[in-house]
Amino acid sequence: MPFMSDALDTFLAHWTAAEASERANAQQFLVELADLLDVPRPANSHTTGYTFEFPVRIPCGDGTSSEGRIDLEWNVNEVVILERVH
């Protein structure tokens, strides 16, 4: 995509040099990725369906469930769920 090559180069250079941990950088990386892709940033409300730390119930297999969170639940035209593993 030629129209974003400068922005992409800047984004890649910045994040390639990142020294903090994945946990420390994950949300800022995703906010900047949203900017790069020219899509809305995640909201600060779970009601939008596009937010960080989206609450979910995780089935445990024995009929019970536990509470969990998805790092980013992104429901913009299509559903994208991102969960980083550390």
Protein backbone atom coordinates (compact mmCIF):
# COMPACT_ATOMS: atom_id res chain seq x y z
CA MET A 1 0.00 0.00 0.00
CA PRO A 2 2.01 2.97 -1.21
CA PHE A 3 -0.17 5.57 0.55
CA MET A 4 0.92 4.36 3.97
CA SER A 5 4.52 3.40 3.30
CA ASP A 6 6.02 6.32 5.28
CA ALA A 7 3.64 5.79 8.17
CA LEU A 8 4.25 2.06 8.06
CA ASP A 9 8.03 2.55 8.04
CA THR A 10 7.76 4.88 11.04
CA PHE A 11 5.49 2.45 12.89
CA LEU A 12 7.81 -0.49 12.23
CA ALA A 13 10.94 1.45 13.19
CA HIS A 14 9.33 2.60 16.44
CA TRP A 15 8.06 -0.82 17.48
CA THR A 16 11.15 -2.71 16.34
CA ALA A 17 13.16 -0.60 18.77
CA ALA A 18 10.71 -0.98 21.67
CA GLU A 19 12.48 -2.12 24.81
CA ALA A 20 9.61 -2.53 27.27
CA SER A 21 7.82 -5.84 27.68
CA GLU A 22 4.95 -7.00 25.54
CA ARG A 23 2.59 -6.52 28.46
CA ALA A 24 3.72 -2.91 28.87
CA ASN A 25 3.42 -2.13 25.17
CA ALA A 26 0.40 -4.14 23.99
CA GLN A 27 -2.35 -1.52 24.27
CA GLN A 28 -0.25 1.35 22.93
CA PHE A 29 0.86 -0.84 20.01
CA LEU A 30 -2.77 -1.66 19.17
CA VAL A 31 -3.89 1.98 19.45
CA GLU A 32 -1.13 3.01 17.05
CA LEU A 33 -1.98 0.09 14.75
CA ALA A 34 -5.60 1.30 14.65
CA ASP A 35 -4.33 4.76 13.69
CA LEU A 36 -2.12 3.27 10.98
CA LEU A 37 -5.04 1.28 9.57
CA ASP A 38 -7.29 4.34 9.81
CA VAL A 39 -9.87 2.57 11.96
CA PRO A 40 -11.35 3.87 15.21
CA ARG A 41 -9.33 3.39 18.38
CA PRO A 42 -10.73 0.98 20.96
CA ALA A 43 -13.32 2.64 23.19
CA ASN A 44 -13.32 2.99 26.95
CA SER A 45 -16.70 1.26 27.23
CA HIS A 46 -17.44 -2.43 26.81
CA THR A 47 -20.85 -1.59 25.32
CA THR A 48 -19.27 -0.65 21.98
CA GLY A 49 -17.91 -4.15 21.31
CA TYR A 50 -14.47 -2.68 20.58
CA THR A 51 -12.50 -2.41 23.77
CA PHE A 52 -9.51 -3.58 25.75
CA GLU A 53 -9.89 -6.12 28.56
CA PHE A 54 -13.31 -7.29 27.38
CA PRO A 55 -14.94 -9.43 30.11
CA VAL A 56 -15.81 -13.03 29.18
CA ARG A 57 -16.97 -16.22 30.90
CA ILE A 58 -14.63 -19.16 30.31
CA PRO A 59 -16.23 -22.64 30.43
CA CYS A 60 -14.22 -25.00 32.62
CA GLY A 61 -15.53 -28.28 31.19
CA ASP A 62 -17.15 -29.43 34.42
CA GLY A 63 -20.21 -27.24 33.99
CA THR A 64 -18.69 -24.30 35.81
CA SER A 65 -17.06 -21.21 34.39
CA SER A 66 -14.59 -18.59 35.45
CA GLU A 67 -14.21 -14.92 34.68
CA GLY A 68 -11.59 -13.82 32.21
CA ARG A 69 -10.69 -10.98 29.90
CA ILE A 70 -9.81 -10.74 26.22
CA ASP A 71 -7.01 -8.27 25.52
CA LEU A 72 -8.91 -6.67 22.63
CA GLU A 73 -12.36 -7.52 21.35
CA TRP A 74 -12.79 -5.68 18.07
CA ASN A 75 -16.18 -5.89 16.42
CA VAL A 76 -15.89 -3.52 13.46
CA ASN A 77 -17.68 -5.05 10.45
CA GLU A 78 -16.12 -8.38 11.35
CA VAL A 79 -15.15 -9.78 14.72
CA VAL A 80 -11.47 -9.78 15.59
CA ILE A 81 -10.38 -11.08 18.95
CA LEU A 82 -6.81 -10.60 20.04
CA GLU A 83 -5.32 -12.40 23.00
CA ARG A 84 -1.61 -12.10 23.65
CA VAL A 85 0.01 -14.94 25.50
CA HIS A 86 2.77 -14.21 27.96
